[in-house]
Protein backbone atom coordinates (compact mmCIF):
# COMPACT_ATOMS: atom_id res chain seq x y z
CA UNK A 1 28.46 254.63 19.90
CA UNK A 2 27.26 257.02 17.50
CA UNK A 3 29.87 259.27 15.43
CA UNK A 4 27.91 262.55 16.55
CA UNK A 5 25.51 263.51 19.79
CA UNK A 6 23.44 266.74 19.80
CA UNK A 7 23.78 269.03 22.72
CA UNK A 8 20.34 268.10 24.05
CA UNK A 9 22.10 264.79 24.59
CA UNK A 10 25.29 266.20 26.19
CA UNK A 11 23.14 268.27 28.52
CA UNK A 12 21.23 265.10 29.64
CA UNK A 13 24.27 263.35 30.33
CA UNK A 14 25.51 266.16 32.40
CA UNK A 15 22.05 266.38 34.27
CA UNK A 16 21.93 262.83 34.85
CA UNK A 17 25.63 262.27 35.57
CA UNK A 18 26.22 259.79 33.08
CA UNK A 19 29.71 258.89 32.96
CA UNK A 20 31.52 260.65 30.20
CA UNK A 21 34.48 263.49 29.50
CA UNK A 22 34.44 266.39 27.50
CA UNK A 23 37.59 267.37 25.32
CA UNK A 24 37.61 271.20 23.77
CA UNK A 25 39.87 271.17 20.92
CA UNK A 26 39.50 274.95 20.50
CA UNK A 27 42.48 277.36 20.97
CA UNK A 28 43.06 279.05 24.56
CA UNK A 29 41.65 282.40 23.24
CA UNK A 30 38.31 280.77 22.06
CA UNK A 31 38.16 278.69 25.36
CA UNK A 32 38.63 281.96 27.23
CA UNK A 33 35.30 283.37 25.63
CA UNK A 34 33.21 280.58 26.39
CA UNK A 35 33.57 276.63 27.96
CA UNK A 36 31.91 274.02 29.64
CA UNK A 37 32.66 273.35 33.10
CA UNK A 38 34.96 270.39 33.81
CA UNK A 39 36.11 270.27 30.09
CA UNK A 40 39.81 268.96 29.27
CA UNK A 41 40.98 271.58 27.03
CA UNK A 42 43.60 270.49 24.29
CA UNK A 43 44.01 272.24 21.33
CA UNK A 44 43.52 270.43 18.28
CA UNK A 45 47.56 270.56 17.05
CA UNK A 46 48.29 269.17 20.27
CA UNK A 47 45.78 266.28 20.63
CA UNK A 48 48.22 263.89 18.84
CA UNK A 49 50.76 264.25 21.75
CA UNK A 50 48.31 264.37 24.65
CA UNK A 51 46.14 261.23 24.08
CA UNK A 52 47.44 259.78 27.28
CA UNK A 53 45.20 262.56 29.17
CA UNK A 54 42.21 260.97 27.59
CA UNK A 55 40.21 258.45 29.33
CA UNK A 56 39.47 255.28 27.49
CA UNK A 57 36.71 253.67 29.73
CA UNK A 58 33.83 256.45 28.95
CA UNK A 59 32.51 258.36 26.25
CA UNK A 60 34.70 261.25 25.22
CA UNK A 61 32.66 264.18 23.86
CA UNK A 62 34.93 266.24 21.46
CA UNK A 63 33.77 269.66 20.91
CA UNK A 64 34.90 273.15 19.09
CA UNK A 65 33.26 276.06 17.92
CA UNK A 66 30.72 274.53 15.15
CA UNK A 67 31.67 270.84 14.88
CA UNK A 68 34.02 270.92 12.25
CA UNK A 69 37.51 270.50 14.01
CA UNK A 70 35.97 268.09 16.70
CA UNK A 71 34.71 266.21 14.03
CA UNK A 72 38.10 265.78 12.37
CA UNK A 73 39.72 265.06 16.07
CA UNK A 74 37.19 262.37 16.71
CA UNK A 75 37.63 260.42 13.35
CA UNK A 76 41.40 260.78 14.27
CA UNK A 77 40.96 259.45 17.70
CA UNK A 78 38.78 256.56 16.68
CA UNK A 79 41.12 255.22 14.04
CA UNK A 80 43.57 255.05 17.11
CA UNK A 81 41.06 253.09 19.13
CA UNK A 82 39.11 255.33 21.00
CA UNK A 83 35.88 253.79 19.70
CA UNK A 84 34.40 256.35 22.52
CA UNK A 85 34.86 259.41 21.08
CA UNK A 86 31.80 261.17 19.54
CA UNK A 87 31.56 264.82 18.40
CA UNK A 88 29.40 267.44 19.61
CA UNK A 89 27.22 268.56 16.47
CA UNK A 90 27.33 272.26 16.23
CA UNK A 91 29.59 272.70 19.07
CA UNK A 92 29.99 275.40 21.76
CA UNK A 93 27.73 277.72 19.32
CA UNK A 94 25.09 275.12 19.42
CA UNK A 95 25.30 274.61 23.11
CA UNK A 96 25.00 278.57 23.50
CA UNK A 97 22.17 279.09 21.28
CA UNK A 98 20.16 275.81 22.61
CA UNK A 99 21.07 274.64 26.23
CA UNK A 100 22.82 277.63 27.96
CA UNK A 101 21.99 281.16 26.35
CA UNK A 102 24.19 282.91 29.09
CA UNK A 103 27.25 282.05 27.26
CA UNK A 104 29.30 284.44 25.11
CA UNK A 105 29.13 283.48 21.29
CA UNK A 106 31.71 284.60 18.83
């Protein structure tokens, strides 16, 4: 599993019903502005205490605003046995720019 995927890949997974989970590690105020339907939202600081909420049998696509926080969480998860954790390059900002321009940006 690569460390990162782009928004086109995630879009294809969603359209083709490829099994995966999306973990949004942004703060609640950010999620209120724009989010992906069906995402599990756990702020970055809470991830260590909530890993039991994450599936281990499907890829976990981690996203944030631009991809920095989510990359750190992805690396942290991989170091703890989540070999299927992948970062969403560009985050929700890239998703809004390349896949769903109806999403608000901030």
